Amino acid sequence: MDAFFQNIALPSFIAGIAFSFIGSFMAWSPPQEINGVVGYRTRRSMKSQAHWDFSQKYSGNIMGVGGLVMAVLSALSYFLPVAAAVKQTAGLIALVTLSVGMIVATELALKRKFKD
């Protein structure tokens, strides 16, 4: 089992599992009230309760599915004949890409839906 964890993109595997759980929780049970502590918080998402409700579920879905994909791809990296450092770097790039992609996609969806 140690060989498995040494030969996968471990940061993205752990982050993928965490993103999957947190995203699923946000999609199924989003924060009900606008707040500055928990949830998807941007200026646009906190503009109104309708913006808030939409952005919590939308970003939660992206985060949950993206996290699951990232965890699976990280686990599958075990089978690639590439150095562990390369796998780790690719995993961190995937983590940043998912995070930025979630924000961009959610902001664009808010802009389309509410046409502010």
PDB file of N, CA and C in Angstrom:
ATOM      1  N   MET A   1       0.823  -1.204   0.000  1.00  0.00           N
ATOM      2  CA  MET A   1       0.000   0.000   0.000  1.00  0.00           C
ATOM      3  C   MET A   1       0.861   1.259   0.000  1.00  0.00           C
ATOM      4  N   ASP A   2       2.029   1.202   0.643  1.00  0.00           N
ATOM      5  CA  ASP A   2       2.917   2.361   0.643  1.00  0.00           C
ATOM      6  C   ASP A   2       3.365   2.711  -0.764  1.00  0.00           C
ATOM      7  N   ALA A   3       3.636   1.700  -1.584  1.00  0.00           N
ATOM      8  CA  ALA A   3       4.053   1.940  -2.962  1.00  0.00           C
ATOM      9  C   ALA A   3       2.951   2.656  -3.738  1.00  0.00           C
ATOM     10  N   PHE A   4       1.699   2.321  -3.458  1.00  0.00           N
ATOM     11  CA  PHE A   4       0.582   2.978  -4.134  1.00  0.00           C
ATOM     12  C   PHE A   4       0.586   4.469  -3.837  1.00  0.00           C
ATOM     13  N   PHE A   5       0.670   4.841  -2.575  1.00  0.00           N
ATOM     14  CA  PHE A   5       0.619   6.253  -2.195  1.00  0.00           C
ATOM     15  C   PHE A   5       1.861   7.024  -2.606  1.00  0.00           C
ATOM     16  N   GLN A   6       2.976   6.337  -2.783  1.00  0.00           N
ATOM     17  CA  GLN A   6       4.184   7.013  -3.237  1.00  0.00           C
ATOM     18  C   GLN A   6       4.169   7.231  -4.740  1.00  0.00           C
ATOM     19  N   ASN A   7       3.339   6.512  -5.463  1.00  0.00           N
ATOM     20  CA  ASN A   7       3.344   6.574  -6.917  1.00  0.00           C
ATOM     21  C   ASN A   7       2.066   7.138  -7.525  1.00  0.00           C
ATOM     22  N   ILE A   8       1.294   7.873  -6.761  1.00  0.00           N
ATOM     23  CA  ILE A   8       0.138   8.569  -7.335  1.00  0.00           C
ATOM     24  C   ILE A   8       0.312  10.055  -7.081  1.00  0.00           C
ATOM     25  N   ALA A   9      -0.524  10.849  -7.681  1.00  0.00           N
ATOM     26  CA  ALA A   9      -0.522  12.286  -7.445  1.00  0.00           C
ATOM     27  C   ALA A   9      -1.268  12.521  -6.132  1.00  0.00           C
ATOM     28  N   LEU A  10      -0.588  12.283  -5.031  1.00  0.00           N
ATOM     29  CA  LEU A  10      -1.227  12.266  -3.712  1.00  0.00           C
ATOM     30  C   LEU A  10      -1.964  13.560  -3.344  1.00  0.00           C
ATOM     31  N   PRO A  11      -1.368  14.747  -3.545  1.00  0.00           N
ATOM     32  CA  PRO A  11      -2.126  15.952  -3.172  1.00  0.00           C
ATOM     33  C   PRO A  11      -3.463  16.069  -3.898  1.00  0.00           C
ATOM     34  N   SER A  12      -3.469  15.744  -5.187  1.00  0.00           N
ATOM     35  CA  SER A  12      -4.738  15.854  -5.906  1.00  0.00           C
ATOM     36  C   SER A  12      -5.691  14.713  -5.553  1.00  0.00           C
ATOM     37  N   PHE A  13      -5.166  13.583  -5.135  1.00  0.00           N
ATOM     38  CA  PHE A  13      -6.020  12.477  -4.686  1.00  0.00           C
ATOM     39  C   PHE A  13      -6.761  12.879  -3.410  1.00  0.00           C
ATOM     40  N   ILE A  14      -6.026  13.390  -2.445  1.00  0.00           N
ATOM     41  CA  ILE A  14      -6.633  13.822  -1.172  1.00  0.00           C
ATOM     42  C   ILE A  14      -7.563  15.008  -1.402  1.00  0.00           C
ATOM     43  N   ALA A  15      -7.102  15.985  -2.181  1.00  0.00           N
ATOM     44  CA  ALA A  15      -7.948  17.146  -2.467  1.00  0.00           C
ATOM     45  C   ALA A  15      -9.187  16.737  -3.247  1.00  0.00           C
ATOM     46  N   GLY A  16      -9.049  15.792  -4.157  1.00  0.00           N
ATOM     47  CA  GLY A  16     -10.199  15.323  -4.929  1.00  0.00           C
ATOM     48  C   GLY A  16     -11.257  14.698  -4.034  1.00  0.00           C
ATOM     49  N   ILE A  17     -10.826  13.895  -3.084  1.00  0.00           N
ATOM     50  CA  ILE A  17     -11.778  13.294  -2.135  1.00  0.00           C
ATOM     51  C   ILE A  17     -12.440  14.383  -1.295  1.00  0.00           C
ATOM     52  N   ALA A  18     -11.625  15.320  -0.804  1.00  0.00           N
ATOM     53  CA  ALA A  18     -12.177  16.417   0.008  1.00  0.00           C
ATOM     54  C   ALA A  18     -13.148  17.263  -0.815  1.00  0.00           C
ATOM     55  N   PHE A  19     -12.765  17.625  -2.036  1.00  0.00           N
ATOM     56  CA  PHE A  19     -13.643  18.422  -2.897  1.00  0.00           C
ATOM     57  C   PHE A  19     -14.939  17.682  -3.168  1.00  0.00           C
ATOM     58  N   SER A  20     -14.845  16.392  -3.390  1.00  0.00           N
ATOM     59  CA  SER A  20     -16.030  15.595  -3.679  1.00  0.00           C
ATOM     60  C   SER A  20     -17.013  15.621  -2.508  1.00  0.00           C
ATOM     61  N   PHE A  21     -16.506  15.411  -1.290  1.00  0.00           N
ATOM     62  CA  PHE A  21     -17.374  15.437  -0.116  1.00  0.00           C
ATOM     63  C   PHE A  21     -17.934  16.830   0.148  1.00  0.00           C
ATOM     64  N   ILE A  22     -17.079  17.830   0.108  1.00  0.00           N
ATOM     65  CA  ILE A  22     -17.524  19.202   0.399  1.00  0.00           C
ATOM     66  C   ILE A  22     -18.499  19.681  -0.673  1.00  0.00           C
ATOM     67  N   GLY A  23     -18.169  19.421  -1.944  1.00  0.00           N
ATOM     68  CA  GLY A  23     -19.058  19.829  -3.030  1.00  0.00           C
ATOM     69  C   GLY A  23     -20.415  19.158  -2.960  1.00  0.00           C
ATOM     70  N   SER A  24     -20.419  17.864  -2.663  1.00  0.00           N
ATOM     71  CA  SER A  24     -21.688  17.140  -2.530  1.00  0.00           C
ATOM     72  C   SER A  24     -22.506  17.702  -1.372  1.00  0.00           C
ATOM     73  N   PHE A  25     -21.852  17.993  -0.274  1.00  0.00           N
ATOM     74  CA  PHE A  25     -22.545  18.567   0.882  1.00  0.00           C
ATOM     75  C   PHE A  25     -23.129  19.931   0.524  1.00  0.00           C
ATOM     76  N   MET A  26     -22.342  20.765  -0.184  1.00  0.00           N
ATOM     77  CA  MET A  26     -22.836  22.094  -0.576  1.00  0.00           C
ATOM     78  C   MET A  26     -24.013  21.999  -1.536  1.00  0.00           C
ATOM     79  N   ALA A  27     -23.980  21.032  -2.441  1.00  0.00           N
ATOM     80  CA  ALA A  27     -25.072  20.888  -3.407  1.00  0.00           C
ATOM     81  C   ALA A  27     -26.343  20.376  -2.741  1.00  0.00           C
ATOM     82  N   TRP A  28     -26.208  19.455  -1.794  1.00  0.00           N
ATOM     83  CA  TRP A  28     -27.382  18.851  -1.148  1.00  0.00           C
ATOM     84  C   TRP A  28     -27.886  19.662   0.031  1.00  0.00           C
ATOM     85  N   SER A  29     -26.992  20.321   0.728  1.00  0.00           N
ATOM     86  CA  SER A  29     -27.376  21.073   1.920  1.00  0.00           C
ATOM     87  C   SER A  29     -26.603  22.391   1.972  1.00  0.00           C
ATOM     88  N   PRO A  30     -26.915  23.307   1.051  1.00  0.00           N
ATOM     89  CA  PRO A  30     -26.148  24.551   0.981  1.00  0.00           C
ATOM     90  C   PRO A  30     -26.442  25.470   2.164  1.00  0.00           C
ATOM     91  N   PRO A  31     -25.518  26.381   2.463  1.00  0.00           N
ATOM     92  CA  PRO A  31     -25.792  27.371   3.503  1.00  0.00           C
ATOM     93  C   PRO A  31     -27.035  28.172   3.120  1.00  0.00           C
ATOM     94  N   GLN A  32     -27.963  28.304   4.032  1.00  0.00           N
ATOM     95  CA  GLN A  32     -29.246  28.932   3.721  1.00  0.00           C
ATOM     96  C   GLN A  32     -29.184  30.452   3.666  1.00  0.00           C
ATOM     97  N   GLU A  33     -28.363  31.053   4.498  1.00  0.00           N
ATOM     98  CA  GLU A  33     -28.322  32.507   4.566  1.00  0.00           C
ATOM     99  C   GLU A  33     -26.985  33.025   4.056  1.00  0.00           C
ATOM    100  N   ILE A  34     -27.018  34.194   3.443  1.00  0.00           N
ATOM    101  CA  ILE A  34     -25.800  34.827   2.962  1.00  0.00           C
ATOM    102  C   ILE A  34     -24.912  35.123   4.170  1.00  0.00           C
ATOM    103  N   ASN A  35     -23.664  34.687   4.078  1.00  0.00           N
ATOM    104  CA  ASN A  35     -22.721  34.930   5.165  1.00  0.00           C
ATOM    105  C   ASN A  35     -21.321  35.058   4.590  1.00  0.00           C
ATOM    106  N   GLY A  36     -20.410  35.553   5.374  1.00  0.00           N
ATOM    107  CA  GLY A  36     -19.042  35.749   4.928  1.00  0.00           C
ATOM    108  C   GLY A  36     -18.095  34.663   5.382  1.00  0.00           C
ATOM    109  N   VAL A  37     -18.631  33.538   5.871  1.00  0.00           N
ATOM    110  CA  VAL A  37     -17.766  32.502   6.439  1.00  0.00           C
ATOM    111  C   VAL A  37     -17.846  31.179   5.677  1.00  0.00           C
ATOM    112  N   VAL A  38     -19.051  30.710   5.378  1.00  0.00           N
ATOM    113  CA  VAL A  38     -19.227  29.379   4.789  1.00  0.00           C
ATOM    114  C   VAL A  38     -19.935  29.487   3.448  1.00  0.00           C
ATOM    115  N   GLY A  39     -19.446  28.739   2.464  1.00  0.00           N
ATOM    116  CA  GLY A  39     -20.099  28.678   1.171  1.00  0.00           C
ATOM    117  C   GLY A  39     -19.282  29.342   0.086  1.00  0.00           C
ATOM    118  N   TYR A  40     -19.860  29.388  -1.102  1.00  0.00           N
ATOM    119  CA  TYR A  40     -19.235  30.052  -2.242  1.00  0.00           C
ATOM    120  C   TYR A  40     -19.493  31.538  -2.079  1.00  0.00           C
ATOM    121  N   ARG A  41     -18.438  32.303  -1.796  1.00  0.00           N
ATOM    122  CA  ARG A  41     -18.607  33.712  -1.453  1.00  0.00           C
ATOM    123  C   ARG A  41     -17.842  34.612  -2.422  1.00  0.00           C
ATOM    124  N   THR A  42     -18.577  35.274  -3.281  1.00  0.00           N
ATOM    125  CA  THR A  42     -18.019  36.319  -4.130  1.00  0.00           C
ATOM    126  C   THR A  42     -18.998  37.491  -4.093  1.00  0.00           C
ATOM    127  N   ARG A  43     -18.566  38.602  -4.619  1.00  0.00           N
ATOM    128  CA  ARG A  43     -19.441  39.784  -4.623  1.00  0.00           C
ATOM    129  C   ARG A  43     -20.749  39.475  -5.348  1.00  0.00           C
ATOM    130  N   ARG A  44     -20.648  38.793  -6.492  1.00  0.00           N
ATOM    131  CA  ARG A  44     -21.850  38.490  -7.281  1.00  0.00           C
ATOM    132  C   ARG A  44     -22.739  37.468  -6.571  1.00  0.00           C
ATOM    133  N   SER A  45     -22.149  36.453  -5.933  1.00  0.00           N
ATOM    134  CA  SER A  45     -22.964  35.419  -5.287  1.00  0.00           C
ATOM    135  C   SER A  45     -23.668  35.945  -4.034  1.00  0.00           C
ATOM    136  N   MET A  46     -23.139  37.015  -3.456  1.00  0.00           N
ATOM    137  CA  MET A  46     -23.729  37.556  -2.235  1.00  0.00           C
ATOM    138  C   MET A  46     -24.641  38.756  -2.516  1.00  0.00           C
ATOM    139  N   LYS A  47     -24.944  38.992  -3.789  1.00  0.00           N
ATOM    140  CA  LYS A  47     -25.749  40.145  -4.187  1.00  0.00           C
ATOM    141  C   LYS A  47     -27.198  40.049  -3.709  1.00  0.00           C
ATOM    142  N   SER A  48     -27.756  38.849  -3.713  1.00  0.00           N
ATOM    143  CA  SER A  48     -29.135  38.638  -3.256  1.00  0.00           C
ATOM    144  C   SER A  48     -29.286  37.190  -2.809  1.00  0.00           C
ATOM    145  N   GLN A  49     -30.391  36.890  -2.181  1.00  0.00           N
ATOM    146  CA  GLN A  49     -30.634  35.517  -1.734  1.00  0.00           C
ATOM    147  C   GLN A  49     -30.760  34.571  -2.926  1.00  0.00           C
ATOM    148  N   ALA A  50     -31.350  35.027  -4.022  1.00  0.00           N
ATOM    149  CA  ALA A  50     -31.479  34.183  -5.217  1.00  0.00           C
ATOM    150  C   ALA A  50     -30.093  33.874  -5.798  1.00  0.00           C
ATOM    151  N   HIS A  51     -29.234  34.884  -5.862  1.00  0.00           N
ATOM    152  CA  HIS A  51     -27.860  34.671  -6.328  1.00  0.00           C
ATOM    153  C   HIS A  51     -27.155  33.656  -5.424  1.00  0.00           C
ATOM    154  N   TRP A  52     -27.322  33.836  -4.138  1.00  0.00           N
ATOM    155  CA  TRP A  52     -26.670  32.978  -3.155  1.00  0.00           C
ATOM    156  C   TRP A  52     -27.116  31.522  -3.307  1.00  0.00           C
ATOM    157  N   ASP A  53     -28.409  31.310  -3.351  1.00  0.00           N
ATOM    158  CA  ASP A  53     -28.937  29.945  -3.448  1.00  0.00           C
ATOM    159  C   ASP A  53     -28.450  29.258  -4.726  1.00  0.00           C
ATOM    160  N   PHE A  54     -28.507  29.970  -5.842  1.00  0.00           N
ATOM    161  CA  PHE A  54     -28.069  29.390  -7.108  1.00  0.00           C
ATOM    162  C   PHE A  54     -26.574  29.051  -7.073  1.00  0.00           C
ATOM    163  N   SER A  55     -25.765  29.987  -6.612  1.00  0.00           N
ATOM    164  CA  SER A  55     -24.312  29.784  -6.647  1.00  0.00           C
ATOM    165  C   SER A  55     -23.857  28.662  -5.723  1.00  0.00           C
ATOM    166  N   GLN A  56     -24.532  28.457  -4.605  1.00  0.00           N
ATOM    167  CA  GLN A  56     -24.135  27.381  -3.691  1.00  0.00           C
ATOM    168  C   GLN A  56     -24.324  26.019  -4.338  1.00  0.00           C
ATOM    169  N   LYS A  57     -25.483  25.821  -4.946  1.00  0.00           N
ATOM    170  CA  LYS A  57     -25.759  24.523  -5.579  1.00  0.00           C
ATOM    171  C   LYS A  57     -24.922  24.331  -6.842  1.00  0.00           C
ATOM    172  N   TYR A  58     -24.785  25.370  -7.642  1.00  0.00           N
ATOM    173  CA  TYR A  58     -24.036  25.268  -8.891  1.00  0.00           C
ATOM    174  C   TYR A  58     -22.565  24.956  -8.618  1.00  0.00           C
ATOM    175  N   SER A  59     -21.941  25.730  -7.747  1.00  0.00           N
ATOM    176  CA  SER A  59     -20.517  25.497  -7.446  1.00  0.00           C
ATOM    177  C   SER A  59     -20.326  24.172  -6.711  1.00  0.00           C
ATOM    178  N   GLY A  60     -21.284  23.794  -5.873  1.00  0.00           N
ATOM    179  CA  GLY A  60     -21.200  22.510  -5.169  1.00  0.00           C
ATOM    180  C   GLY A  60     -21.219  21.334  -6.129  1.00  0.00           C
ATOM    181  N   ASN A  61     -22.056  21.416  -7.153  1.00  0.00           N
ATOM    182  CA  ASN A  61     -22.102  20.350  -8.157  1.00  0.00           C
ATOM    183  C   ASN A  61     -20.785  20.249  -8.917  1.00  0.00           C
ATOM    184  N   ILE A  62     -20.255  21.389  -9.336  1.00  0.00           N
ATOM    185  CA  ILE A  62     -18.980  21.375 -10.055  1.00  0.00           C
ATOM    186  C   ILE A  62     -17.874  20.829  -9.159  1.00  0.00           C
ATOM    187  N   MET A  63     -17.848  21.276  -7.922  1.00  0.00           N
ATOM    188  CA  MET A  63     -16.814  20.842  -6.992  1.00  0.00           C
ATOM    189  C   MET A  63     -16.916  19.341  -6.708  1.00  0.00           C
ATOM    190  N   GLY A  64     -18.114  18.849  -6.514  1.00  0.00           N
ATOM    191  CA  GLY A  64     -18.301  17.435  -6.214  1.00  0.00           C
ATOM    192  C   GLY A  64     -17.887  16.535  -7.363  1.00  0.00           C
ATOM    193  N   VAL A  65     -18.369  16.841  -8.562  1.00  0.00           N
ATOM    194  CA  VAL A  65     -18.033  16.031  -9.732  1.00  0.00           C
ATOM    195  C   VAL A  65     -16.559  16.185 -10.090  1.00  0.00           C
ATOM    196  N   GLY A  66     -16.064  17.409 -10.076  1.00  0.00           N
ATOM    197  CA  GLY A  66     -14.652  17.647 -10.386  1.00  0.00           C
ATOM    198  C   GLY A  66     -13.725  16.959  -9.403  1.00  0.00           C
ATOM    199  N   GLY A  67     -14.087  16.981  -8.132  1.00  0.00           N
ATOM    200  CA  GLY A  67     -13.283  16.302  -7.111  1.00  0.00           C
ATOM    201  C   GLY A  67     -13.242  14.805  -7.319  1.00  0.00           C
ATOM    202  N   LEU A  68     -14.369  14.238  -7.669  1.00  0.00           N
ATOM    203  CA  LEU A  68     -14.418  12.797  -7.936  1.00  0.00           C
ATOM    204  C   LEU A  68     -13.547  12.430  -9.135  1.00  0.00           C
ATOM    205  N   VAL A  69     -13.655  13.202 -10.194  1.00  0.00           N
ATOM    206  CA  VAL A  69     -12.830  12.958 -11.384  1.00  0.00           C
ATOM    207  C   VAL A  69     -11.353  13.091 -11.038  1.00  0.00           C
ATOM    208  N   MET A  70     -11.013  14.127 -10.274  1.00  0.00           N
ATOM    209  CA  MET A  70      -9.616  14.344  -9.900  1.00  0.00           C
ATOM    210  C   MET A  70      -9.084  13.192  -9.055  1.00  0.00           C
ATOM    211  N   ALA A  71      -9.863  12.691  -8.125  1.00  0.00           N
ATOM    212  CA  ALA A  71      -9.425  11.574  -7.283  1.00  0.00           C
ATOM    213  C   ALA A  71      -9.226  10.306  -8.112  1.00  0.00           C
ATOM    214  N   VAL A  72     -10.146  10.039  -9.021  1.00  0.00           N
ATOM    215  CA  VAL A  72     -10.025   8.841  -9.862  1.00  0.00           C
ATOM    216  C   VAL A  72      -8.807   8.942 -10.773  1.00  0.00           C
ATOM    217  N   LEU A  73      -8.616  10.086 -11.420  1.00  0.00           N
ATOM    218  CA  LEU A  73      -7.460  10.257 -12.290  1.00  0.00           C
ATOM    219  C   LEU A  73      -6.153  10.165 -11.506  1.00  0.00           C
ATOM    220  N   SER A  74      -6.149  10.695 -10.294  1.00  0.00           N
ATOM    221  CA  SER A  74      -4.950  10.608  -9.456  1.00  0.00           C
ATOM    222  C   SER A  74      -4.640   9.165  -9.096  1.00  0.00           C
ATOM    223  N   ALA A  75      -5.670   8.394  -8.775  1.00  0.00           N
ATOM    224  CA  ALA A  75      -5.460   6.977  -8.459  1.00  0.00           C
ATOM    225  C   ALA A  75      -4.979   6.214  -9.694  1.00  0.00           C
ATOM    226  N   LEU A  76      -5.520   6.551 -10.844  1.00  0.00           N
ATOM    227  CA  LEU A  76      -5.101   5.886 -12.077  1.00  0.00           C
ATOM    228  C   LEU A  76      -3.674   6.246 -12.476  1.00  0.00           C
ATOM    229  N   SER A  77      -3.167   7.357 -11.947  1.00  0.00           N
ATOM    230  CA  SER A  77      -1.792   7.747 -12.278  1.00  0.00           C
ATOM    231  C   SER A  77      -0.773   6.734 -11.747  1.00  0.00           C
ATOM    232  N   TYR A  78      -1.213   5.871 -10.854  1.00  0.00           N
ATOM    233  CA  TYR A  78      -0.347   4.798 -10.346  1.00  0.00           C
ATOM    234  C   TYR A  78       0.191   3.951 -11.492  1.00  0.00           C
ATOM    235  N   PHE A  79      -0.605   3.787 -12.514  1.00  0.00           N
ATOM    236  CA  PHE A  79      -0.251   2.903 -13.613  1.00  0.00           C
ATOM    237  C   PHE A  79       0.595   3.582 -14.698  1.00  0.00           C
ATOM    238  N   LEU A  80       0.850   4.876 -14.553  1.00  0.00           N
ATOM    239  CA  LEU A  80       1.666   5.583 -15.534  1.00  0.00           C
ATOM    240  C   LEU A  80       3.147   5.443 -15.182  1.00  0.00           C
ATOM    241  N   PRO A  81       3.965   5.113 -16.162  1.00  0.00           N
ATOM    242  CA  PRO A  81       5.403   4.978 -15.903  1.00  0.00           C
ATOM    243  C   PRO A  81       6.109   6.337 -15.938  1.00  0.00           C
ATOM    244  N   VAL A  82       5.739   7.192 -14.996  1.00  0.00           N
ATOM    245  CA  VAL A  82       6.281   8.542 -14.915  1.00  0.00           C
ATOM    246  C   VAL A  82       6.798   8.748 -13.492  1.00  0.00           C
ATOM    247  N   ALA A  83       7.792   9.598 -13.338  1.00  0.00           N
ATOM    248  CA  ALA A  83       8.365   9.872 -12.020  1.00  0.00           C
ATOM    249  C   ALA A  83       7.297  10.448 -11.081  1.00  0.00           C
ATOM    250  N   ALA A  84       7.432  10.129  -9.803  1.00  0.00           N
ATOM    251  CA  ALA A  84       6.466  10.588  -8.802  1.00  0.00           C
ATOM    252  C   ALA A  84       6.389  12.111  -8.755  1.00  0.00           C
ATOM    253  N   ALA A  85       7.520  12.779  -8.939  1.00  0.00           N
ATOM    254  CA  ALA A  85       7.527  14.246  -8.911  1.00  0.00           C
ATOM    255  C   ALA A  85       6.670  14.828 -10.031  1.00  0.00           C
ATOM    256  N   VAL A  86       6.696  14.203 -11.184  1.00  0.00           N
ATOM    257  CA  VAL A  86       5.875  14.654 -12.309  1.00  0.00           C
ATOM    258  C   VAL A  86       4.397  14.446 -11.985  1.00  0.00           C
ATOM    259  N   LYS A  87       4.075  13.313 -11.380  1.00  0.00           N
ATOM    260  CA  LYS A  87       2.685  13.036 -10.993  1.00  0.00           C
ATOM    261  C   LYS A  87       2.203  14.045  -9.957  1.00  0.00           C
ATOM    262  N   GLN A  88       3.065  14.369  -9.005  1.00  0.00           N
ATOM    263  CA  GLN A  88       2.698  15.344  -7.973  1.00  0.00           C
ATOM    264  C   GLN A  88       2.446  16.718  -8.595  1.00  0.00           C
ATOM    265  N   THR A  89       3.314  17.120  -9.513  1.00  0.00           N
ATOM    266  CA  THR A  89       3.155  18.410 -10.179  1.00  0.00           C
ATOM    267  C   THR A  89       1.871  18.443 -11.003  1.00  0.00           C
ATOM    268  N   ALA A  90       1.618  17.384 -11.744  1.00  0.00           N
ATOM    269  CA  ALA A  90       0.384  17.303 -12.532  1.00  0.00           C
ATOM    270  C   ALA A  90      -0.839  17.349 -11.621  1.00  0.00           C
ATOM    271  N   GLY A  91      -0.755  16.701 -10.470  1.00  0.00           N
ATOM    272  CA  GLY A  91      -1.859  16.719  -9.521  1.00  0.00           C
ATOM    273  C   GLY A  91      -2.137  18.103  -8.983  1.00  0.00           C
ATOM    274  N   LEU A  92      -1.082  18.847  -8.682  1.00  0.00           N
ATOM    275  CA  LEU A  92      -1.262  20.215  -8.184  1.00  0.00           C
ATOM    276  C   LEU A  92      -1.827  21.129  -9.274  1.00  0.00           C
ATOM    277  N   ILE A  93      -1.394  20.907 -10.509  1.00  0.00           N
ATOM    278  CA  ILE A  93      -1.953  21.679 -11.625  1.00  0.00           C
ATOM    279  C   ILE A  93      -3.444  21.367 -11.777  1.00  0.00           C
ATOM    280  N   ALA A  94      -3.815  20.103 -11.629  1.00  0.00           N
ATOM    281  CA  ALA A  94      -5.231  19.716 -11.711  1.00  0.00           C
ATOM    282  C   ALA A  94      -6.038  20.382 -10.592  1.00  0.00           C
ATOM    283  N   LEU A  95      -5.471  20.455  -9.410  1.00  0.00           N
ATOM    284  CA  LEU A  95      -6.143  21.081  -8.270  1.00  0.00           C
ATOM    285  C   LEU A  95      -6.409  22.559  -8.536  1.00  0.00           C
ATOM    286  N   VAL A  96      -5.400  23.269  -9.014  1.00  0.00           N
ATOM    287  CA  VAL A  96      -5.558  24.692  -9.309  1.00  0.00           C
ATOM    288  C   VAL A  96      -6.552  24.889 -10.459  1.00  0.00           C
ATOM    289  N   THR A  97      -6.466  24.043 -11.471  1.00  0.00           N
ATOM    290  CA  THR A  97      -7.374  24.136 -12.614  1.00  0.00           C
ATOM    291  C   THR A  97      -8.824  23.932 -12.195  1.00  0.00           C
ATOM    292  N   LEU A  98      -9.073  22.941 -11.348  1.00  0.00           N
ATOM    293  CA  LEU A  98     -10.435  22.704 -10.866  1.00  0.00           C
ATOM    294  C   LEU A  98     -10.935  23.891 -10.052  1.00  0.00           C
ATOM    295  N   SER A  99     -10.098  24.415  -9.185  1.00  0.00           N
ATOM    296  CA  SER A  99     -10.506  25.538  -8.331  1.00  0.00           C
ATOM    297  C   SER A  99     -10.844  26.773  -9.163  1.00  0.00           C
ATOM    298  N   VAL A 100      -9.947  27.135 -10.070  1.00  0.00           N
ATOM    299  CA  VAL A 100     -10.180  28.308 -10.911  1.00  0.00           C
ATOM    300  C   VAL A 100     -11.358  28.057 -11.856  1.00  0.00           C
ATOM    301  N   GLY A 101     -11.430  26.866 -12.410  1.00  0.00           N
ATOM    302  CA  GLY A 101     -12.532  26.526 -13.313  1.00  0.00           C
ATOM    303  C   GLY A 101     -13.889  26.610 -12.636  1.00  0.00           C
ATOM    304  N   MET A 102     -13.959  26.170 -11.377  1.00  0.00           N
ATOM    305  CA  MET A 102     -15.213  26.240 -10.638  1.00  0.00           C
ATOM    306  C   MET A 102     -15.645  27.695 -10.453  1.00  0.00           C
ATOM    307  N   ILE A 103     -14.708  28.548 -10.104  1.00  0.00           N
ATOM    308  CA  ILE A 103     -15.030  29.958  -9.888  1.00  0.00           C
ATOM    309  C   ILE A 103     -15.484  30.609 -11.196  1.00  0.00           C
ATOM    310  N   VAL A 104     -14.730  30.400 -12.264  1.00  0.00           N
ATOM    311  CA  VAL A 104     -15.072  30.998 -13.555  1.00  0.00           C
ATOM    312  C   VAL A 104     -16.434  30.497 -14.031  1.00  0.00           C
ATOM    313  N   ALA A 105     -16.657  29.195 -13.967  1.00  0.00           N
ATOM    314  CA  ALA A 105     -17.931  28.629 -14.428  1.00  0.00           C
ATOM    315  C   ALA A 105     -19.107  29.154 -13.614  1.00  0.00           C
ATOM    316  N   THR A 106     -18.945  29.244 -12.308  1.00  0.00           N
ATOM    317  CA  THR A 106     -20.030  29.724 -11.447  1.00  0.00           C
ATOM    318  C   THR A 106     -20.319  31.199 -11.710  1.00  0.00           C
ATOM    319  N   GLU A 107     -19.265  31.993 -11.852  1.00  0.00           N
ATOM    320  CA  GLU A 107     -19.477  33.418 -12.119  1.00  0.00           C
ATOM    321  C   GLU A 107     -20.156  33.637 -13.476  1.00  0.00           C
ATOM    322  N   LEU A 108     -19.751  32.876 -14.483  1.00  0.00           N
ATOM    323  CA  LEU A 108     -20.403  32.985 -15.787  1.00  0.00           C
ATOM    324  C   LEU A 108     -21.862  32.546 -15.727  1.00  0.00           C
ATOM    325  N   ALA A 109     -22.135  31.487 -14.979  1.00  0.00           N
ATOM    326  CA  ALA A 109     -23.519  31.011 -14.836  1.00  0.00           C
ATOM    327  C   ALA A 109     -24.374  32.046 -14.104  1.00  0.00           C
ATOM    328  N   LEU A 110     -23.813  32.667 -13.075  1.00  0.00           N
ATOM    329  CA  LEU A 110     -24.536  33.727 -12.364  1.00  0.00           C
ATOM    330  C   LEU A 110     -24.829  34.895 -13.303  1.00  0.00           C
ATOM    331  N   LYS A 111     -23.840  35.253 -14.099  1.00  0.00           N
ATOM    332  CA  LYS A 111     -24.005  36.375 -15.024  1.00  0.00           C
ATOM    333  C   LYS A 111     -25.078  36.076 -16.068  1.00  0.00           C
ATOM    334  N   ARG A 112     -25.089  34.842 -16.585  1.00  0.00           N
ATOM    335  CA  ARG A 112     -26.110  34.444 -17.580  1.00  0.00           C
ATOM    336  C   ARG A 112     -27.500  34.396 -16.964  1.00  0.00           C
ATOM    337  N   LYS A 113     -27.583  33.812 -15.776  1.00  0.00           N
ATOM    338  CA  LYS A 113     -28.900  33.598 -15.157  1.00  0.00           C
ATOM    339  C   LYS A 113     -29.539  34.905 -14.696  1.00  0.00           C
ATOM    340  N   PHE A 114     -28.749  35.794 -14.103  1.00  0.00           N
ATOM    341  CA  PHE A 114     -29.319  36.981 -13.494  1.00  0.00           C
ATOM    342  C   PHE A 114     -29.142  38.247 -14.320  1.00  0.00           C
ATOM    343  N   LYS A 115     -28.347  38.226 -15.346  1.00  0.00           N
ATOM    344  CA  LYS A 115     -28.158  39.351 -16.265  1.00  0.00           C
ATOM    345  C   LYS A 115     -28.083  40.695 -15.540  1.00  0.00           C
ATOM    346  N   ASP A 116     -27.159  40.781 -14.609  1.00  0.00           N
ATOM    347  CA  ASP A 116     -27.007  42.012 -13.803  1.00  0.00           C
ATOM    348  C   ASP A 116     -26.464  43.131 -14.637  1.00  0.00           C
TER     349      ASP A 116
END
